[in-house]
N, C-alpha and C. Protein backbone atom coordinates (compact mmCIF):
# COMPACT_ATOMS: atom_id res chain seq x y z
N MET A 1 111.65 -3.34 170.65
CA MET A 1 111.16 -2.00 170.21
C MET A 1 112.21 -1.44 169.17
N GLN A 2 111.77 -1.00 168.11
CA GLN A 2 112.60 -0.35 167.08
C GLN A 2 112.89 1.11 167.60
N GLY A 3 114.21 1.47 167.66
CA GLY A 3 114.53 2.79 168.16
C GLY A 3 114.40 3.83 167.00
N ILE A 4 114.53 5.09 167.36
CA ILE A 4 114.38 6.18 166.39
C ILE A 4 115.66 6.37 165.62
N GLY A 5 116.78 5.75 166.11
CA GLY A 5 118.01 5.79 165.37
C GLY A 5 118.89 7.04 165.53
N GLU A 6 118.63 7.82 166.52
CA GLU A 6 119.45 9.02 166.74
C GLU A 6 119.50 9.33 168.25
N GLU A 7 120.50 10.18 168.63
CA GLU A 7 120.65 10.57 169.97
C GLU A 7 119.46 11.40 170.41
N ILE A 8 119.03 11.06 171.70
CA ILE A 8 117.99 11.84 172.38
C ILE A 8 118.50 12.37 173.67
N LYS A 9 118.12 13.59 174.02
CA LYS A 9 118.54 14.14 175.34
C LYS A 9 117.52 15.14 175.85
N GLN A 10 117.68 15.44 177.05
CA GLN A 10 116.83 16.41 177.75
C GLN A 10 117.71 17.61 178.08
N VAL A 11 117.32 18.74 177.98
CA VAL A 11 118.02 19.96 178.34
C VAL A 11 117.23 20.74 179.41
N ILE A 12 117.98 21.07 180.45
CA ILE A 12 117.39 21.92 181.51
C ILE A 12 118.20 23.27 181.46
N ILE A 13 117.49 24.39 181.40
CA ILE A 13 118.11 25.68 181.32
C ILE A 13 117.66 26.46 182.54
N VAL A 14 118.64 27.02 183.31
CA VAL A 14 118.38 27.70 184.56
C VAL A 14 118.92 29.12 184.47
N ARG A 15 118.15 30.04 185.08
CA ARG A 15 118.59 31.44 185.20
C ARG A 15 119.70 31.55 186.22
N LYS A 16 120.76 32.31 185.82
CA LYS A 16 121.84 32.51 186.69
C LYS A 16 121.79 33.87 187.41
N ASP A 17 120.82 34.68 187.10
CA ASP A 17 120.74 35.97 187.79
C ASP A 17 119.91 36.07 189.03
N ILE A 18 119.40 34.92 189.47
CA ILE A 18 118.65 34.81 190.74
C ILE A 18 119.40 33.92 191.70
N LYS A 19 119.37 34.25 193.00
CA LYS A 19 120.07 33.54 194.00
C LYS A 19 119.16 32.44 194.47
N MET A 20 119.68 31.23 194.37
CA MET A 20 118.90 30.06 194.92
C MET A 20 119.93 29.20 195.63
N GLY A 21 119.54 28.65 196.81
CA GLY A 21 120.42 27.67 197.46
C GLY A 21 120.51 26.41 196.62
N THR A 22 121.48 25.64 196.97
CA THR A 22 121.67 24.35 196.24
C THR A 22 120.40 23.45 196.19
N GLY A 23 119.79 23.31 197.33
CA GLY A 23 118.61 22.50 197.32
C GLY A 23 117.50 23.09 196.52
N LYS A 24 117.28 24.41 196.52
CA LYS A 24 116.32 25.12 195.72
C LYS A 24 116.54 24.90 194.27
N LEU A 25 117.85 25.09 193.86
CA LEU A 25 118.22 24.92 192.55
C LEU A 25 117.96 23.45 192.00
N ALA A 26 118.33 22.51 192.89
CA ALA A 26 118.03 21.11 192.56
C ALA A 26 116.56 20.82 192.36
N ALA A 27 115.76 21.43 193.21
CA ALA A 27 114.32 21.29 193.09
C ALA A 27 113.73 21.87 191.77
N GLN A 28 114.27 23.05 191.38
CA GLN A 28 113.82 23.69 190.22
C GLN A 28 114.20 22.86 188.95
N VAL A 29 115.40 22.33 188.95
CA VAL A 29 115.92 21.52 187.86
C VAL A 29 115.00 20.24 187.82
N GLY A 30 114.70 19.65 189.02
CA GLY A 30 113.83 18.50 188.98
C GLY A 30 112.43 18.79 188.49
N HIS A 31 111.87 19.92 188.86
CA HIS A 31 110.55 20.27 188.33
C HIS A 31 110.59 20.42 186.80
N ALA A 32 111.63 21.05 186.25
CA ALA A 32 111.79 21.17 184.81
C ALA A 32 111.90 19.82 184.12
N ALA A 33 112.73 18.94 184.67
CA ALA A 33 112.91 17.64 184.06
C ALA A 33 111.59 16.85 183.99
N VAL A 34 110.80 16.82 185.05
CA VAL A 34 109.62 16.07 185.13
C VAL A 34 108.57 16.71 184.22
N MET A 35 108.42 18.00 184.30
CA MET A 35 107.44 18.65 183.50
C MET A 35 107.63 18.56 182.00
N SER A 36 108.91 18.70 181.63
CA SER A 36 109.11 18.61 180.14
C SER A 36 109.09 17.15 179.70
N TYR A 37 109.49 16.17 180.57
CA TYR A 37 109.33 14.76 180.17
C TYR A 37 107.83 14.39 179.94
N LEU A 38 106.98 14.91 180.85
CA LEU A 38 105.57 14.71 180.66
C LEU A 38 105.00 15.29 179.41
N ASP A 39 105.50 16.45 179.01
CA ASP A 39 105.10 17.05 177.69
C ASP A 39 105.63 16.23 176.59
N ALA A 40 106.87 15.77 176.69
CA ALA A 40 107.48 14.99 175.57
C ALA A 40 106.73 13.66 175.39
N SER A 41 106.35 13.03 176.55
CA SER A 41 105.67 11.73 176.44
C SER A 41 104.30 11.86 175.84
N GLU A 42 103.65 13.02 175.96
CA GLU A 42 102.39 13.26 175.30
C GLU A 42 102.57 13.51 173.86
N LYS A 43 103.65 14.19 173.49
CA LYS A 43 103.86 14.54 172.02
C LYS A 43 104.34 13.28 171.30
N ASP A 44 105.27 12.52 171.85
CA ASP A 44 105.84 11.35 171.17
C ASP A 44 106.31 10.30 172.15
N ARG A 45 105.44 9.39 172.49
CA ARG A 45 105.75 8.38 173.46
C ARG A 45 106.94 7.55 173.17
N LYS A 46 107.12 7.28 171.84
CA LYS A 46 108.28 6.46 171.38
C LYS A 46 109.62 7.13 171.73
N ILE A 47 109.69 8.41 171.52
CA ILE A 47 110.95 9.14 171.83
C ILE A 47 111.14 9.17 173.41
N ALA A 48 110.09 9.40 174.11
CA ALA A 48 110.25 9.47 175.61
C ALA A 48 110.66 8.10 176.15
N ASP A 49 110.08 7.04 175.61
CA ASP A 49 110.40 5.71 176.11
C ASP A 49 111.77 5.27 175.81
N GLU A 50 112.22 5.71 174.56
CA GLU A 50 113.66 5.33 174.13
C GLU A 50 114.60 6.11 175.01
N TRP A 51 114.33 7.37 175.31
CA TRP A 51 115.17 8.16 176.17
C TRP A 51 115.34 7.53 177.57
N LEU A 52 114.22 7.06 178.09
CA LEU A 52 114.25 6.37 179.41
C LEU A 52 115.08 5.13 179.35
N SER A 53 114.90 4.31 178.27
CA SER A 53 115.59 3.05 178.14
C SER A 53 117.07 3.19 177.78
N THR A 54 117.48 4.29 177.36
CA THR A 54 118.90 4.49 177.03
C THR A 54 119.68 5.36 178.03
N GLY A 55 119.16 5.46 179.23
CA GLY A 55 119.91 6.14 180.26
C GLY A 55 119.44 7.56 180.65
N GLY A 56 118.53 8.11 179.90
CA GLY A 56 117.97 9.43 180.23
C GLY A 56 118.98 10.57 180.19
N LYS A 57 119.77 10.69 179.15
CA LYS A 57 120.76 11.69 179.00
C LYS A 57 120.19 13.12 179.18
N LYS A 58 120.83 13.90 180.00
CA LYS A 58 120.37 15.31 180.19
C LYS A 58 121.54 16.19 180.42
N ILE A 59 121.38 17.43 180.10
CA ILE A 59 122.38 18.45 180.29
C ILE A 59 121.78 19.64 181.00
N VAL A 60 122.48 20.32 181.85
CA VAL A 60 121.95 21.47 182.50
C VAL A 60 122.77 22.72 182.06
N LEU A 61 122.12 23.70 181.57
CA LEU A 61 122.77 24.88 180.99
C LEU A 61 122.26 26.13 181.72
N LYS A 62 122.85 27.27 181.53
CA LYS A 62 122.45 28.55 182.14
C LYS A 62 122.21 29.66 181.17
N VAL A 63 121.38 30.56 181.57
CA VAL A 63 121.05 31.84 180.84
C VAL A 63 121.19 32.99 181.75
N GLU A 64 121.36 34.13 181.16
CA GLU A 64 121.62 35.34 181.94
C GLU A 64 120.41 35.84 182.75
N ASN A 65 119.16 35.68 182.22
CA ASN A 65 118.05 36.34 182.83
C ASN A 65 116.70 35.75 182.40
N GLU A 66 115.70 36.29 182.92
CA GLU A 66 114.30 35.79 182.67
C GLU A 66 113.99 36.02 181.17
N GLU A 67 114.35 37.18 180.63
CA GLU A 67 114.00 37.47 179.21
C GLU A 67 114.64 36.46 178.28
N SER A 68 115.90 36.08 178.54
CA SER A 68 116.53 35.05 177.73
C SER A 68 115.86 33.71 177.79
N LEU A 69 115.39 33.37 178.97
CA LEU A 69 114.79 32.10 179.23
C LEU A 69 113.40 32.09 178.54
N LYS A 70 112.69 33.13 178.57
CA LYS A 70 111.39 33.24 177.92
C LYS A 70 111.50 33.20 176.42
N LYS A 71 112.53 33.82 175.89
CA LYS A 71 112.82 33.84 174.48
C LYS A 71 113.08 32.38 173.97
N LEU A 72 113.90 31.66 174.71
CA LEU A 72 114.11 30.30 174.41
C LEU A 72 112.88 29.41 174.43
N PHE A 73 112.02 29.66 175.48
CA PHE A 73 110.80 28.99 175.59
C PHE A 73 109.89 29.15 174.38
N GLY A 74 109.85 30.44 173.90
CA GLY A 74 109.05 30.73 172.76
C GLY A 74 109.61 30.09 171.53
N ALA A 75 110.87 30.04 171.40
CA ALA A 75 111.54 29.39 170.23
C ALA A 75 111.23 27.93 170.21
N PHE A 76 111.35 27.24 171.35
CA PHE A 76 111.05 25.80 171.43
C PHE A 76 109.54 25.55 171.16
N LYS A 77 108.68 26.39 171.69
CA LYS A 77 107.21 26.19 171.39
C LYS A 77 106.95 26.38 169.83
N TYR A 78 107.60 27.40 169.28
CA TYR A 78 107.43 27.65 167.85
C TYR A 78 107.84 26.43 166.99
N LYS A 79 108.93 25.82 167.41
CA LYS A 79 109.47 24.62 166.74
C LYS A 79 108.70 23.34 167.08
N LYS A 80 107.68 23.50 168.01
CA LYS A 80 106.87 22.28 168.45
C LYS A 80 107.71 21.29 169.18
N ILE A 81 108.70 21.74 169.89
CA ILE A 81 109.61 20.89 170.67
C ILE A 81 109.06 20.88 172.07
N PRO A 82 108.81 19.74 172.71
CA PRO A 82 108.23 19.71 174.11
C PRO A 82 109.12 20.45 175.06
N CYS A 83 108.45 21.29 175.88
CA CYS A 83 109.13 22.01 176.89
C CYS A 83 108.19 22.52 178.01
N ALA A 84 108.79 22.92 179.07
CA ALA A 84 107.93 23.43 180.23
C ALA A 84 108.76 24.50 180.95
N LEU A 85 108.10 25.62 181.22
CA LEU A 85 108.62 26.77 181.94
C LEU A 85 108.25 26.57 183.37
N VAL A 86 109.27 26.69 184.34
CA VAL A 86 109.05 26.54 185.74
C VAL A 86 108.88 27.82 186.40
N THR A 87 107.82 28.06 187.14
CA THR A 87 107.62 29.24 187.92
C THR A 87 107.49 28.82 189.41
N ASP A 88 108.16 29.45 190.26
CA ASP A 88 108.20 29.13 191.71
C ASP A 88 107.01 29.51 192.35
N ALA A 89 106.51 28.71 193.38
CA ALA A 89 105.33 29.03 194.12
C ALA A 89 105.59 30.14 195.21
N GLY A 90 106.80 30.34 195.47
CA GLY A 90 107.11 31.44 196.41
C GLY A 90 107.02 31.07 197.93
N LEU A 91 107.11 29.78 198.22
CA LEU A 91 106.94 29.28 199.59
C LEU A 91 108.26 29.39 200.47
N THR A 92 109.42 29.56 199.71
CA THR A 92 110.65 29.57 200.47
C THR A 92 111.51 30.78 200.08
N GLN A 93 112.41 30.59 199.18
CA GLN A 93 113.47 31.58 198.92
C GLN A 93 113.14 32.68 197.89
N LEU A 94 112.12 32.42 197.07
CA LEU A 94 111.84 33.31 195.90
C LEU A 94 110.40 33.87 196.03
N PRO A 95 110.19 35.04 195.45
CA PRO A 95 108.82 35.59 195.42
C PRO A 95 107.95 34.73 194.46
N PRO A 96 106.61 34.64 194.81
CA PRO A 96 105.77 33.79 193.98
C PRO A 96 105.82 34.26 192.52
N GLY A 97 105.79 33.25 191.65
CA GLY A 97 105.76 33.57 190.21
C GLY A 97 107.13 33.76 189.57
N THR A 98 108.15 33.68 190.34
CA THR A 98 109.56 33.85 189.79
C THR A 98 109.84 32.69 188.76
N VAL A 99 110.11 33.05 187.58
CA VAL A 99 110.44 32.07 186.51
C VAL A 99 111.91 31.62 186.78
N THR A 100 112.15 30.28 187.01
CA THR A 100 113.41 29.87 187.42
C THR A 100 114.18 28.97 186.34
N ALA A 101 113.39 28.18 185.62
CA ALA A 101 114.02 27.18 184.77
C ALA A 101 113.15 26.82 183.61
N LEU A 102 113.75 26.14 182.55
CA LEU A 102 113.12 25.69 181.42
C LEU A 102 113.51 24.27 181.19
N GLY A 103 112.58 23.35 181.16
CA GLY A 103 112.92 21.97 180.72
C GLY A 103 112.57 21.80 179.27
N VAL A 104 113.41 21.07 178.51
CA VAL A 104 113.19 20.86 177.12
C VAL A 104 113.47 19.30 176.80
N GLY A 105 112.45 18.74 176.18
CA GLY A 105 112.60 17.32 175.76
C GLY A 105 112.39 16.40 176.94
N PRO A 106 112.73 15.16 176.74
CA PRO A 106 113.68 14.55 175.83
C PRO A 106 113.15 14.61 174.39
N TRP A 107 114.11 14.90 173.53
CA TRP A 107 113.85 15.10 172.11
C TRP A 107 115.19 14.84 171.33
N PRO A 108 115.07 14.57 170.02
CA PRO A 108 116.33 14.34 169.26
C PRO A 108 117.30 15.51 169.42
N THR A 109 118.54 15.21 169.73
CA THR A 109 119.62 16.19 169.93
C THR A 109 119.77 17.09 168.74
N ARG A 110 119.61 16.62 167.51
CA ARG A 110 119.83 17.47 166.30
C ARG A 110 118.74 18.60 166.23
N GLU A 111 117.64 18.41 166.98
CA GLU A 111 116.66 19.55 166.91
C GLU A 111 116.86 20.49 168.11
N LEU A 112 117.55 20.05 169.14
CA LEU A 112 117.79 20.83 170.34
C LEU A 112 119.04 21.73 170.24
N ASN A 113 120.11 21.20 169.60
CA ASN A 113 121.39 21.87 169.54
C ASN A 113 121.35 23.22 168.81
N PRO A 114 120.58 23.41 167.78
CA PRO A 114 120.55 24.73 167.15
C PRO A 114 120.16 25.84 168.06
N LEU A 115 119.29 25.50 169.07
CA LEU A 115 118.74 26.53 169.99
C LEU A 115 119.54 26.61 171.33
N THR A 116 120.41 25.62 171.56
CA THR A 116 121.11 25.58 172.89
C THR A 116 122.64 25.54 172.80
N SER A 117 123.19 25.37 171.60
CA SER A 117 124.67 25.27 171.49
C SER A 117 125.43 26.43 171.99
N MET A 118 124.80 27.65 171.97
CA MET A 118 125.59 28.80 172.44
C MET A 118 125.52 29.03 173.95
N LEU A 119 124.78 28.19 174.63
CA LEU A 119 124.65 28.35 176.10
C LEU A 119 125.77 27.59 176.81
N LYS A 120 126.17 28.03 178.00
CA LYS A 120 127.20 27.41 178.82
C LYS A 120 126.58 26.44 179.84
N LEU A 121 127.46 25.51 180.22
CA LEU A 121 127.07 24.57 181.30
C LEU A 121 126.85 25.29 182.60
N LEU A 122 125.91 24.87 183.46
CA LEU A 122 125.61 25.43 184.69
C LEU A 122 126.82 25.12 185.66
């Protein structure tokens, strides 16, 4: 298979203003990773397959609040970059409908960095 010739990664962005236990946080990150991977594989199967075959690079970042997360979601959607917003079902620690995380990509890093380079690692 001919590669796309550039770095591909997935970015998961989590709200830091809500309290989640470690397991809950891990579950939300997992939801974001799977949901955005499925979106990416529908948009460009070649990119998704190459990402899987090269180790599945991902990075987890944080934002201050729901508004910041939704603004990023809108920006990625506008740029037609695959992404998925995670809302909690409310069965355990959070109220139903709480927006917890955003999964982005896998997608070429050069397209992700302009929207994420200002964010800090979780």
